[in-house]
Amino acid sequence: QVQLVESGGGLLQAGGSLRLSCEASGRTFAGYAMGWFRQASGKEREFVASISWSTGSTYYGDAVKGRFTISRDNAKNTMYLQMNSLKPEDTAVYYCVASQYTTAQFMRVMSPLRLNWGQGTQVTVSS
């Protein structure tokens, strides 16, 4: 069974940087797509970024393109989200996801039921 554990969330001021980590366990992840979604209070869940575990190909949501970078360390079974130039509108709970049912390119439109989810980590950006 896939287990995903996020860490690294926190409170910081606009313009700052933060790195989220997601430690994955439970199986080998070759062929998996991994990624990040976020959900702000009162808003719908939003795709942030995804990465192919095997090839390292990356994809980003329009709201974070150019500011966030997704990466993975296969040896540590860990995925990262480097967030720079943070804005108050980036405030949300960030969820790590993994799926064998989609590629990284199409993770943004995958049914949530076909994704494995972490418990989430809160990121709060003050103005």
Foldseek 3Di string as FASTA:
>chain_A
DKAKAKDWADEEAAQAKTKMKIAIDDDQAQQKKKAKWWDAPPDDIAGAKIAHPHPGDIDGDPVQPPFWDWGDDNVRNMIMIIGGRHDQVVWTWMKMKMANPDHRVCPRPDDPVRIDIYPTDTHGYHD
